[in-house]
N, C-alpha and C. Protein backbone atom coordinates (compact mmCIF):
# COMPACT_ATOMS: atom_id res chain seq x y z
N UNK A 1 85.59 95.64 88.92
CA UNK A 1 86.58 95.00 88.07
C UNK A 1 85.89 94.39 86.87
N UNK A 2 86.54 94.44 85.73
CA UNK A 2 85.95 93.94 84.49
C UNK A 2 85.88 92.42 84.50
N UNK A 3 85.25 91.90 83.47
CA UNK A 3 85.08 90.46 83.38
C UNK A 3 86.42 89.73 83.41
N UNK A 4 86.47 88.65 84.16
CA UNK A 4 87.68 87.85 84.29
C UNK A 4 87.35 86.43 83.85
N UNK A 5 88.18 85.88 82.98
CA UNK A 5 88.02 84.49 82.56
C UNK A 5 89.36 83.79 82.75
N UNK A 6 89.35 82.72 83.55
CA UNK A 6 90.55 81.91 83.78
C UNK A 6 90.50 80.70 82.87
N UNK A 7 91.56 80.49 82.12
CA UNK A 7 91.71 79.29 81.29
C UNK A 7 92.56 78.30 82.08
N UNK A 8 91.99 77.12 82.32
CA UNK A 8 92.45 76.25 83.40
C UNK A 8 92.48 74.79 82.97
N UNK A 9 93.53 74.08 83.40
CA UNK A 9 93.59 72.62 83.28
C UNK A 9 93.61 72.05 84.69
N UNK A 10 92.64 71.23 85.07
CA UNK A 10 92.64 70.65 86.42
C UNK A 10 93.94 69.90 86.71
N UNK A 11 94.44 70.11 87.93
CA UNK A 11 95.66 69.45 88.36
C UNK A 11 96.94 70.17 87.99
N UNK A 12 96.83 71.30 87.29
CA UNK A 12 98.01 72.01 86.80
C UNK A 12 98.30 73.26 87.63
N UNK A 13 99.35 73.99 87.20
CA UNK A 13 99.71 75.24 87.87
C UNK A 13 98.57 76.25 87.91
N UNK A 14 97.66 76.17 86.96
CA UNK A 14 96.58 77.16 86.93
C UNK A 14 95.68 77.07 88.16
N UNK A 15 95.79 75.96 88.92
CA UNK A 15 94.99 75.85 90.13
C UNK A 15 95.36 76.93 91.15
N UNK A 16 96.64 77.38 91.14
CA UNK A 16 97.00 78.40 92.13
C UNK A 16 96.33 79.73 91.82
N UNK A 17 96.12 80.03 90.55
CA UNK A 17 95.41 81.26 90.20
C UNK A 17 93.92 81.10 90.50
N UNK A 18 93.37 79.93 90.24
CA UNK A 18 91.98 79.65 90.59
C UNK A 18 91.77 79.84 92.09
N UNK A 19 92.67 79.30 92.88
CA UNK A 19 92.58 79.43 94.33
C UNK A 19 92.67 80.90 94.75
N UNK A 20 93.61 81.63 94.18
CA UNK A 20 93.74 83.05 94.53
C UNK A 20 92.48 83.83 94.19
N UNK A 21 91.90 83.56 93.04
CA UNK A 21 90.66 84.24 92.67
C UNK A 21 89.56 84.01 93.70
N UNK A 22 89.48 82.78 94.21
CA UNK A 22 88.51 82.49 95.27
C UNK A 22 88.86 83.22 96.55
N UNK A 23 90.13 83.23 96.92
CA UNK A 23 90.55 83.92 98.15
C UNK A 23 90.25 85.41 98.06
N UNK A 24 90.40 85.98 96.88
CA UNK A 24 90.14 87.41 96.69
C UNK A 24 88.66 87.72 96.52
N UNK A 25 87.84 86.67 96.44
CA UNK A 25 86.38 86.79 96.32
C UNK A 25 85.99 87.63 95.10
N UNK A 26 86.65 87.34 93.98
CA UNK A 26 86.35 88.05 92.74
C UNK A 26 85.30 87.28 91.94
N UNK A 27 84.61 88.00 91.09
CA UNK A 27 83.69 87.37 90.16
C UNK A 27 84.47 86.98 88.90
N UNK A 28 84.38 85.72 88.52
CA UNK A 28 85.14 85.26 87.36
C UNK A 28 84.48 84.01 86.79
N UNK A 29 84.83 83.72 85.57
CA UNK A 29 84.41 82.49 84.91
C UNK A 29 85.64 81.63 84.67
N UNK A 30 85.42 80.34 84.55
CA UNK A 30 86.50 79.40 84.28
C UNK A 30 86.19 78.64 83.00
N UNK A 31 87.16 78.60 82.11
CA UNK A 31 87.07 77.72 80.95
C UNK A 31 88.08 76.61 81.15
N UNK A 32 87.60 75.39 81.21
CA UNK A 32 88.46 74.23 81.43
C UNK A 32 88.91 73.67 80.09
N UNK A 33 90.21 73.44 79.98
CA UNK A 33 90.80 72.87 78.77
C UNK A 33 91.34 71.47 79.08
N UNK A 34 91.33 70.58 78.12
CA UNK A 34 91.96 69.27 78.33
C UNK A 34 93.48 69.41 78.27
N UNK A 35 94.17 68.50 78.92
CA UNK A 35 95.63 68.51 78.90
C UNK A 35 96.09 67.70 77.69
N UNK A 36 95.97 68.33 76.52
CA UNK A 36 96.32 67.64 75.28
C UNK A 36 96.73 68.66 74.23
N UNK A 37 96.75 68.25 72.98
CA UNK A 37 97.22 69.12 71.90
C UNK A 37 96.31 70.32 71.66
N UNK A 38 95.15 70.33 72.28
CA UNK A 38 94.27 71.49 72.17
C UNK A 38 94.99 72.76 72.62
N UNK A 39 95.91 72.62 73.57
CA UNK A 39 96.66 73.78 74.07
C UNK A 39 97.63 74.32 73.03
N UNK A 40 97.82 73.59 71.93
CA UNK A 40 98.66 74.07 70.84
C UNK A 40 97.82 74.62 69.69
N UNK A 41 96.52 74.68 69.89
CA UNK A 41 95.64 75.20 68.84
C UNK A 41 95.82 76.70 68.69
N UNK A 42 95.44 77.20 67.52
CA UNK A 42 95.54 78.64 67.27
C UNK A 42 94.70 79.42 68.28
N UNK A 43 93.55 78.85 68.66
CA UNK A 43 92.67 79.53 69.62
C UNK A 43 93.36 79.73 70.95
N UNK A 44 94.03 78.67 71.44
CA UNK A 44 94.67 78.82 72.75
C UNK A 44 95.97 79.60 72.65
N UNK A 45 96.73 79.41 71.58
CA UNK A 45 97.98 80.15 71.44
C UNK A 45 97.75 81.66 71.36
N UNK A 46 96.56 82.06 70.98
CA UNK A 46 96.22 83.48 71.00
C UNK A 46 96.08 83.99 72.44
N UNK A 47 95.84 83.08 73.36
CA UNK A 47 95.72 83.44 74.77
C UNK A 47 97.05 83.33 75.49
N UNK A 48 97.82 82.30 75.18
CA UNK A 48 99.14 82.09 75.77
C UNK A 48 100.03 81.49 74.70
N UNK A 49 100.97 82.25 74.17
CA UNK A 49 101.77 81.78 73.04
C UNK A 49 102.67 80.60 73.37
N UNK A 50 102.85 80.29 74.65
CA UNK A 50 103.63 79.12 75.03
C UNK A 50 102.79 77.85 75.02
N UNK A 51 101.47 77.99 74.86
CA UNK A 51 100.60 76.82 74.85
C UNK A 51 100.49 76.16 76.21
N UNK A 52 100.49 76.98 77.26
CA UNK A 52 100.40 76.45 78.62
C UNK A 52 99.34 77.24 79.40
N UNK A 53 98.84 76.62 80.46
CA UNK A 53 97.96 77.33 81.38
C UNK A 53 98.77 77.77 82.59
N UNK A 54 98.29 78.81 83.27
CA UNK A 54 97.04 79.53 83.04
C UNK A 54 97.19 80.63 82.01
N UNK A 55 96.03 81.02 81.50
CA UNK A 55 95.88 82.30 80.80
C UNK A 55 94.68 82.97 81.45
N UNK A 56 94.77 84.25 81.65
CA UNK A 56 93.71 84.99 82.33
C UNK A 56 93.29 86.17 81.46
N UNK A 57 92.03 86.18 81.06
CA UNK A 57 91.50 87.31 80.31
C UNK A 57 91.09 88.39 81.32
N UNK A 58 91.69 89.56 81.16
CA UNK A 58 91.48 90.66 82.10
C UNK A 58 91.65 91.97 81.35
N UNK A 59 90.70 92.88 81.52
CA UNK A 59 90.78 94.19 80.85
C UNK A 59 90.90 94.07 79.34
N UNK A 60 90.24 93.09 78.77
CA UNK A 60 90.21 92.97 77.32
C UNK A 60 91.45 92.38 76.69
N UNK A 61 92.35 91.82 77.51
CA UNK A 61 93.53 91.17 76.97
C UNK A 61 93.81 89.91 77.77
N UNK A 62 94.67 89.06 77.25
CA UNK A 62 95.05 87.84 77.95
C UNK A 62 96.44 88.01 78.54
N UNK A 63 96.59 87.63 79.80
CA UNK A 63 97.89 87.66 80.46
C UNK A 63 98.18 86.27 81.00
N UNK A 64 99.47 86.00 81.22
CA UNK A 64 99.83 84.65 81.65
C UNK A 64 101.06 84.71 82.56
N UNK A 65 101.54 83.55 82.98
CA UNK A 65 102.61 83.34 83.97
C UNK A 65 102.07 83.56 85.38
N UNK A 66 102.08 82.49 86.15
CA UNK A 66 101.41 82.53 87.46
C UNK A 66 101.97 83.60 88.39
N UNK A 67 103.28 83.76 88.41
CA UNK A 67 103.84 84.79 89.28
C UNK A 67 103.35 86.17 88.92
N UNK A 68 103.33 86.47 87.62
CA UNK A 68 102.84 87.77 87.17
C UNK A 68 101.35 87.93 87.48
N UNK A 69 100.57 86.88 87.26
CA UNK A 69 99.14 86.95 87.54
C UNK A 69 98.89 87.22 89.02
N UNK A 70 99.65 86.55 89.88
CA UNK A 70 99.48 86.76 91.32
C UNK A 70 99.80 88.20 91.69
N UNK A 71 100.90 88.73 91.18
CA UNK A 71 101.25 90.11 91.48
C UNK A 71 100.17 91.08 90.99
N UNK A 72 99.71 90.88 89.77
CA UNK A 72 98.71 91.79 89.19
C UNK A 72 97.42 91.77 90.00
N UNK A 73 96.94 90.56 90.32
CA UNK A 73 95.67 90.45 91.05
C UNK A 73 95.78 91.03 92.46
N UNK A 74 96.90 90.80 93.13
CA UNK A 74 97.06 91.35 94.47
C UNK A 74 97.18 92.87 94.44
N UNK A 75 97.88 93.40 93.44
CA UNK A 75 98.00 94.86 93.33
C UNK A 75 96.66 95.51 93.01
N UNK A 76 95.88 94.88 92.15
CA UNK A 76 94.59 95.46 91.76
C UNK A 76 93.60 95.48 92.91
N UNK A 77 93.65 94.45 93.74
CA UNK A 77 92.68 94.34 94.83
C UNK A 77 93.19 94.93 96.14
N UNK A 78 94.51 95.09 96.25
CA UNK A 78 95.09 95.55 97.51
C UNK A 78 95.00 94.50 98.61
N UNK A 79 94.92 93.23 98.22
CA UNK A 79 94.77 92.17 99.21
C UNK A 79 95.77 91.05 98.95
N UNK A 80 96.21 90.42 100.03
CA UNK A 80 97.05 89.21 100.03
C UNK A 80 98.43 89.41 99.41
N UNK A 81 98.81 90.67 99.16
CA UNK A 81 100.15 90.96 98.68
C UNK A 81 100.94 91.72 99.72
N UNK A 82 102.08 92.22 99.32
CA UNK A 82 102.88 93.12 100.14
C UNK A 82 103.37 94.22 99.22
N UNK A 83 102.88 95.44 99.38
CA UNK A 83 103.20 96.52 98.45
C UNK A 83 104.64 96.98 98.59
N UNK A 84 105.16 97.69 97.57
CA UNK A 84 106.50 98.27 97.69
C UNK A 84 106.62 99.10 98.97
N UNK A 85 107.75 98.92 99.64
CA UNK A 85 107.97 99.63 100.90
C UNK A 85 107.57 98.84 102.12
N UNK A 86 106.74 97.80 101.95
CA UNK A 86 106.36 96.96 103.07
C UNK A 86 107.57 96.15 103.54
N UNK A 87 107.70 95.95 104.84
CA UNK A 87 108.85 95.23 105.39
C UNK A 87 108.93 93.79 104.88
N UNK A 88 107.78 93.24 104.48
CA UNK A 88 107.77 91.85 104.00
C UNK A 88 107.74 91.74 102.48
N UNK A 89 107.90 92.85 101.78
CA UNK A 89 107.80 92.84 100.31
C UNK A 89 108.81 91.89 99.67
N UNK A 90 110.05 91.94 100.08
CA UNK A 90 111.07 91.10 99.45
C UNK A 90 110.78 89.63 99.69
N UNK A 91 110.46 89.28 100.94
CA UNK A 91 110.15 87.88 101.24
C UNK A 91 108.90 87.42 100.49
N UNK A 92 107.92 88.29 100.37
CA UNK A 92 106.71 87.92 99.63
C UNK A 92 107.05 87.58 98.19
N UNK A 93 107.86 88.41 97.53
CA UNK A 93 108.25 88.15 96.15
C UNK A 93 109.05 86.86 96.03
N UNK A 94 109.98 86.65 96.95
CA UNK A 94 110.79 85.43 96.91
C UNK A 94 109.90 84.20 96.94
N UNK A 95 108.95 84.17 97.88
CA UNK A 95 108.15 82.97 98.05
C UNK A 95 107.10 82.81 96.95
N UNK A 96 106.54 83.90 96.48
CA UNK A 96 105.61 83.79 95.34
C UNK A 96 106.30 83.12 94.16
N UNK A 97 107.54 83.50 93.90
CA UNK A 97 108.24 82.97 92.73
C UNK A 97 108.96 81.65 93.02
N UNK A 98 109.19 81.35 94.28
CA UNK A 98 109.75 80.04 94.65
C UNK A 98 108.80 78.92 94.25
N UNK A 99 107.52 79.23 94.14
CA UNK A 99 106.55 78.21 93.71
C UNK A 99 106.96 77.58 92.39
N UNK A 100 107.56 78.36 91.49
CA UNK A 100 107.97 77.80 90.20
C UNK A 100 109.16 76.87 90.34
N UNK A 101 110.03 77.12 91.31
CA UNK A 101 111.14 76.18 91.55
C UNK A 101 110.58 74.82 91.92
N UNK A 102 109.61 74.81 92.83
CA UNK A 102 108.98 73.55 93.21
C UNK A 102 108.28 72.91 92.01
N UNK A 103 107.55 73.74 91.27
CA UNK A 103 106.74 73.22 90.17
C UNK A 103 107.56 72.62 89.05
N UNK A 104 108.75 73.17 88.80
CA UNK A 104 109.55 72.61 87.71
C UNK A 104 110.01 71.19 88.05
N UNK A 105 110.29 70.94 89.32
CA UNK A 105 110.67 69.58 89.71
C UNK A 105 109.47 68.65 89.69
N UNK A 106 108.32 69.14 90.13
CA UNK A 106 107.10 68.33 90.06
C UNK A 106 106.72 68.05 88.61
N UNK A 107 106.93 69.02 87.72
CA UNK A 107 106.62 68.82 86.30
C UNK A 107 107.53 67.76 85.69
N UNK A 108 108.80 67.77 86.09
CA UNK A 108 109.72 66.75 85.59
C UNK A 108 109.29 65.36 86.05
N UNK A 109 108.86 65.26 87.30
CA UNK A 109 108.37 63.97 87.81
C UNK A 109 107.09 63.57 87.10
N UNK A 110 106.22 64.53 86.85
CA UNK A 110 104.97 64.25 86.13
C UNK A 110 105.28 63.69 84.75
N UNK A 111 106.22 64.30 84.07
CA UNK A 111 106.58 63.82 82.74
C UNK A 111 107.10 62.39 82.80
N UNK A 112 107.99 62.14 83.75
CA UNK A 112 108.59 60.80 83.85
C UNK A 112 107.56 59.73 84.21
N UNK A 113 106.70 60.03 85.16
CA UNK A 113 105.77 59.01 85.65
C UNK A 113 104.53 58.86 84.78
N UNK A 114 104.07 59.95 84.16
CA UNK A 114 102.79 59.91 83.47
C UNK A 114 102.88 60.08 81.96
N UNK A 115 103.70 61.02 81.51
CA UNK A 115 103.66 61.38 80.10
C UNK A 115 104.50 60.45 79.22
N UNK A 116 105.58 59.91 79.80
CA UNK A 116 106.38 58.93 79.07
C UNK A 116 105.76 57.56 79.34
N UNK A 117 104.90 57.15 78.46
CA UNK A 117 104.05 56.00 78.74
C UNK A 117 104.77 54.66 78.64
N UNK A 118 105.85 54.60 77.88
CA UNK A 118 106.61 53.36 77.75
C UNK A 118 107.70 53.32 78.83
N UNK A 119 107.79 52.20 79.53
CA UNK A 119 108.77 52.08 80.61
C UNK A 119 110.19 52.33 80.12
N UNK A 120 110.48 51.95 78.88
CA UNK A 120 111.83 52.12 78.33
C UNK A 120 112.20 53.59 78.16
N UNK A 121 111.21 54.46 78.13
CA UNK A 121 111.46 55.89 77.95
C UNK A 121 111.75 56.60 79.26
N UNK A 122 111.43 55.97 80.36
CA UNK A 122 111.55 56.60 81.67
C UNK A 122 112.94 56.37 82.27
N UNK A 123 113.33 57.29 83.13
CA UNK A 123 114.63 57.19 83.79
C UNK A 123 114.45 57.19 85.30
N UNK A 124 114.65 56.06 85.97
CA UNK A 124 114.59 56.06 87.43
C UNK A 124 115.59 57.03 88.06
N UNK A 125 116.71 57.25 87.38
CA UNK A 125 117.71 58.19 87.90
C UNK A 125 117.12 59.61 87.93
N UNK A 126 116.47 60.00 86.85
CA UNK A 126 115.84 61.33 86.80
C UNK A 126 114.73 61.42 87.84
N UNK A 127 113.93 60.35 87.96
CA UNK A 127 112.85 60.34 88.95
C UNK A 127 113.40 60.57 90.35
N UNK A 128 114.47 59.84 90.69
CA UNK A 128 115.06 59.97 92.03
C UNK A 128 115.67 61.36 92.24
N UNK A 129 116.34 61.85 91.22
CA UNK A 129 116.97 63.17 91.33
C UNK A 129 115.93 64.26 91.54
N UNK A 130 114.87 64.25 90.72
CA UNK A 130 113.85 65.29 90.83
C UNK A 130 113.06 65.17 92.13
N UNK A 131 112.81 63.94 92.58
CA UNK A 131 112.14 63.75 93.87
C UNK A 131 112.99 64.31 95.00
N UNK A 132 114.30 64.07 94.93
CA UNK A 132 115.20 64.60 95.97
C UNK A 132 115.21 66.12 95.95
N UNK A 133 115.14 66.70 94.77
CA UNK A 133 115.10 68.16 94.66
C UNK A 133 113.82 68.72 95.27
N UNK A 134 112.71 68.01 95.09
CA UNK A 134 111.48 68.42 95.77
C UNK A 134 111.69 68.39 97.28
N UNK A 135 112.36 67.35 97.75
CA UNK A 135 112.65 67.25 99.18
C UNK A 135 113.42 68.45 99.70
N UNK A 136 114.38 68.94 98.92
CA UNK A 136 115.13 70.13 99.32
C UNK A 136 114.22 71.35 99.39
N UNK A 137 113.28 71.44 98.46
CA UNK A 137 112.30 72.54 98.51
C UNK A 137 111.43 72.43 99.75
N UNK A 138 111.03 71.22 100.08
CA UNK A 138 110.22 71.01 101.29
C UNK A 138 111.03 71.39 102.54
N UNK A 139 112.33 71.10 102.52
CA UNK A 139 113.17 71.51 103.65
C UNK A 139 113.19 73.02 103.80
N UNK A 140 113.21 73.73 102.67
CA UNK A 140 113.21 75.19 102.71
C UNK A 140 111.91 75.72 103.31
N UNK A 141 110.79 75.09 102.96
CA UNK A 141 109.50 75.49 103.54
C UNK A 141 109.50 75.24 105.04
N UNK A 142 109.95 74.05 105.43
CA UNK A 142 109.99 73.69 106.85
C UNK A 142 110.84 74.69 107.64
N UNK A 143 111.98 75.06 107.08
CA UNK A 143 112.88 75.99 107.77
C UNK A 143 112.27 77.39 107.86
N UNK A 144 111.48 77.76 106.87
CA UNK A 144 110.90 79.10 106.85
C UNK A 144 109.77 79.27 107.86
N UNK A 145 108.98 78.24 108.04
CA UNK A 145 107.76 78.36 108.84
C UNK A 145 108.10 78.51 110.32
N UNK A 146 107.79 79.70 110.85
CA UNK A 146 107.95 79.94 112.28
C UNK A 146 106.59 80.12 112.94
N UNK A 147 105.59 80.47 112.13
CA UNK A 147 104.22 80.64 112.62
C UNK A 147 103.28 79.87 111.73
N UNK A 148 102.05 80.36 111.61
CA UNK A 148 101.06 79.64 110.83
C UNK A 148 101.32 79.72 109.33
N UNK A 149 101.91 80.83 108.86
CA UNK A 149 102.03 81.07 107.43
C UNK A 149 103.46 81.47 107.07
N UNK A 150 103.76 81.54 105.79
CA UNK A 150 105.12 81.85 105.36
C UNK A 150 105.54 83.26 105.77
N UNK A 151 104.60 84.18 105.84
CA UNK A 151 104.87 85.53 106.32
C UNK A 151 104.09 85.74 107.62
N UNK A 152 103.94 86.97 108.05
CA UNK A 152 103.30 87.21 109.35
C UNK A 152 101.81 86.90 109.33
N UNK A 153 101.21 86.87 108.15
CA UNK A 153 99.80 86.51 108.00
C UNK A 153 99.63 85.82 106.65
N UNK A 154 98.49 85.17 106.46
CA UNK A 154 98.22 84.48 105.20
C UNK A 154 98.33 85.45 104.03
N UNK A 155 98.96 85.00 102.96
CA UNK A 155 99.14 85.85 101.79
C UNK A 155 99.16 85.00 100.53
N UNK A 156 99.28 85.66 99.39
CA UNK A 156 99.37 84.95 98.12
C UNK A 156 100.63 84.11 98.02
N UNK A 157 101.62 84.38 98.88
CA UNK A 157 102.80 83.50 98.92
C UNK A 157 102.40 82.11 99.37
N UNK A 158 101.48 82.01 100.33
CA UNK A 158 100.99 80.70 100.76
C UNK A 158 100.19 80.03 99.65
N UNK A 159 99.47 80.82 98.87
CA UNK A 159 98.72 80.28 97.74
C UNK A 159 99.68 79.68 96.71
N UNK A 160 100.66 80.46 96.32
CA UNK A 160 101.58 80.02 95.28
C UNK A 160 102.36 78.79 95.71
N UNK A 161 103.01 78.89 96.86
CA UNK A 161 103.84 77.78 97.33
C UNK A 161 102.97 76.61 97.76
N UNK A 162 101.81 76.90 98.35
CA UNK A 162 100.93 75.84 98.81
C UNK A 162 100.46 74.96 97.67
N UNK A 163 100.02 75.57 96.58
CA UNK A 163 99.55 74.77 95.45
C UNK A 163 100.70 73.95 94.87
N UNK A 164 101.87 74.56 94.74
CA UNK A 164 103.02 73.84 94.20
C UNK A 164 103.39 72.66 95.10
N UNK A 165 103.33 72.87 96.41
CA UNK A 165 103.66 71.79 97.34
C UNK A 165 102.63 70.67 97.28
N UNK A 166 101.37 71.04 97.14
CA UNK A 166 100.32 70.01 97.02
C UNK A 166 100.56 69.13 95.80
N UNK A 167 100.99 69.73 94.70
CA UNK A 167 101.28 68.97 93.50
C UNK A 167 102.54 68.13 93.69
N UNK A 168 103.55 68.71 94.31
CA UNK A 168 104.84 68.03 94.45
C UNK A 168 104.80 66.87 95.44
N UNK A 169 103.88 66.92 96.41
CA UNK A 169 103.86 65.84 97.39
C UNK A 169 103.35 64.53 96.80
N UNK A 170 102.95 64.53 95.55
CA UNK A 170 102.67 63.27 94.86
C UNK A 170 103.95 62.50 94.57
N UNK A 171 105.10 63.18 94.66
CA UNK A 171 106.37 62.57 94.28
C UNK A 171 107.39 62.56 95.41
N UNK A 172 107.13 63.29 96.47
CA UNK A 172 108.00 63.27 97.65
C UNK A 172 107.14 63.52 98.87
N UNK A 173 107.17 62.63 99.82
CA UNK A 173 106.30 62.74 101.00
C UNK A 173 106.75 63.89 101.90
N UNK A 174 105.78 64.51 102.55
CA UNK A 174 106.11 65.57 103.52
C UNK A 174 106.94 64.99 104.66
N UNK A 175 106.60 63.78 105.09
CA UNK A 175 107.43 63.08 106.07
C UNK A 175 107.59 63.83 107.37
N UNK A 176 108.81 63.79 107.90
CA UNK A 176 109.09 64.37 109.21
C UNK A 176 109.39 65.87 109.09
N UNK A 177 108.38 66.58 108.69
CA UNK A 177 108.46 68.05 108.60
C UNK A 177 107.19 68.59 109.27
N UNK A 178 107.17 68.63 110.58
CA UNK A 178 105.93 68.93 111.30
C UNK A 178 105.37 70.32 111.02
N UNK A 179 106.25 71.31 110.84
CA UNK A 179 105.73 72.66 110.57
C UNK A 179 105.07 72.71 109.19
N UNK A 180 105.67 72.06 108.22
CA UNK A 180 105.07 72.02 106.89
C UNK A 180 103.76 71.23 106.91
N UNK A 181 103.74 70.13 107.65
CA UNK A 181 102.50 69.33 107.74
C UNK A 181 101.37 70.15 108.34
N UNK A 182 101.67 70.93 109.39
CA UNK A 182 100.64 71.77 109.99
C UNK A 182 100.18 72.87 109.05
N UNK A 183 101.12 73.42 108.29
CA UNK A 183 100.79 74.45 107.29
C UNK A 183 99.85 73.89 106.23
N UNK A 184 100.11 72.68 105.76
CA UNK A 184 99.24 72.05 104.77
C UNK A 184 97.86 71.80 105.37
N UNK A 185 97.82 71.37 106.62
CA UNK A 185 96.52 71.18 107.27
C UNK A 185 95.72 72.49 107.29
N UNK A 186 96.39 73.59 107.60
CA UNK A 186 95.70 74.89 107.64
C UNK A 186 95.23 75.30 106.24
N UNK A 187 96.04 75.02 105.24
CA UNK A 187 95.62 75.30 103.87
C UNK A 187 94.36 74.53 103.53
N UNK A 188 94.33 73.25 103.85
CA UNK A 188 93.20 72.40 103.48
C UNK A 188 91.92 72.78 104.22
N UNK A 189 92.05 73.55 105.30
CA UNK A 189 90.88 74.01 106.03
C UNK A 189 90.30 75.30 105.44
N UNK A 190 91.02 75.93 104.54
CA UNK A 190 90.57 77.21 103.98
C UNK A 190 89.46 76.99 102.96
N UNK A 191 88.45 77.83 103.04
CA UNK A 191 87.34 77.73 102.10
C UNK A 191 87.82 77.97 100.66
N UNK A 192 88.74 78.91 100.48
CA UNK A 192 89.25 79.19 99.14
C UNK A 192 89.91 77.99 98.51
N UNK A 193 90.71 77.27 99.30
CA UNK A 193 91.36 76.06 98.80
C UNK A 193 90.32 75.01 98.44
N UNK A 194 89.36 74.82 99.31
CA UNK A 194 88.35 73.79 99.06
C UNK A 194 87.57 74.10 97.80
N UNK A 195 87.26 75.35 97.58
CA UNK A 195 86.49 75.73 96.39
C UNK A 195 87.31 75.57 95.12
N UNK A 196 88.62 75.71 95.25
CA UNK A 196 89.48 75.61 94.06
C UNK A 196 90.00 74.21 93.82
N UNK A 197 89.83 73.33 94.80
CA UNK A 197 90.42 71.99 94.68
C UNK A 197 89.77 71.24 93.54
N UNK A 198 90.62 70.72 92.67
CA UNK A 198 90.17 69.98 91.50
C UNK A 198 90.06 68.50 91.82
N UNK A 199 89.40 67.81 90.91
CA UNK A 199 89.59 66.36 90.87
C UNK A 199 91.07 66.14 90.54
N UNK A 200 91.49 64.90 90.52
CA UNK A 200 92.91 64.62 90.31
C UNK A 200 93.42 65.10 88.96
N UNK A 201 92.52 65.45 88.05
CA UNK A 201 92.96 65.87 86.75
C UNK A 201 93.65 64.72 86.04
N UNK A 202 94.85 64.97 85.55
CA UNK A 202 95.56 63.93 84.82
C UNK A 202 96.33 62.98 85.74
N UNK A 203 96.34 63.24 87.04
CA UNK A 203 96.97 62.31 87.98
C UNK A 203 96.02 61.16 88.29
N UNK A 204 96.56 59.96 88.36
CA UNK A 204 95.71 58.80 88.62
C UNK A 204 95.97 58.14 89.96
N UNK A 205 96.82 58.78 90.79
CA UNK A 205 97.05 58.27 92.15
C UNK A 205 97.55 59.41 93.03
N UNK A 206 97.53 59.17 94.32
CA UNK A 206 97.96 60.20 95.26
C UNK A 206 99.48 60.29 95.38
N UNK A 207 100.16 59.14 95.18
CA UNK A 207 101.61 59.14 95.32
C UNK A 207 102.23 58.19 94.31
N UNK A 208 103.37 58.63 93.75
CA UNK A 208 104.08 57.85 92.73
C UNK A 208 105.44 57.43 93.29
N UNK A 209 105.59 56.15 93.49
CA UNK A 209 106.86 55.62 93.95
C UNK A 209 107.87 55.57 92.81
N UNK A 210 109.13 55.81 93.14
CA UNK A 210 110.19 55.65 92.15
C UNK A 210 110.46 54.16 91.98
N UNK A 211 110.40 53.65 90.76
CA UNK A 211 110.63 52.21 90.58
C UNK A 211 112.05 51.81 90.91
N UNK A 212 112.22 50.59 91.36
CA UNK A 212 113.57 50.06 91.61
C UNK A 212 114.30 49.90 90.29
N UNK A 213 115.57 50.24 90.31
CA UNK A 213 116.39 50.09 89.10
C UNK A 213 116.76 48.62 88.93
């Protein structure tokens, strides 16, 4: 496989691609970007016109969007995916892309708690609503898990949803969801996860409480 360069911001969605690259045991380089206006620079916009991470340089071009990157990497390697015709193909696609549903709620909470620096700009109502929506996503994970992983064996669906859940649990506790808690424990035991785990990045605490109105 040709040279691979991942453009990455610690603590962001790009961690799921970093983790997948480790799980697939590929040779790659990482360029770390700050979470600031640098992502709006002409240099970065040439890699991802939305000014967001991840961007992945592969085969002499830059590609982006985590769901697409996961599909491409799994298809190229023949690992951790479910090919067309596989009995688990539909479920694999659903869960790979469900990661973005979780992430959008976590991103809204991140904006409210961290990016809106003045208390007058924040909305406890939005914080509570988005936290509750994360809880509904966690309920879906809990209901899905019948064995160790989301499908019959570990796959990129666990990578995608796992990273999103790790980010989202800063705003909604796993709580009384024993199957999800065990799944997270198994994720944290994986060498690929450990190698991809970032410092907190732009997060400054493990959990953010919703302020009282």
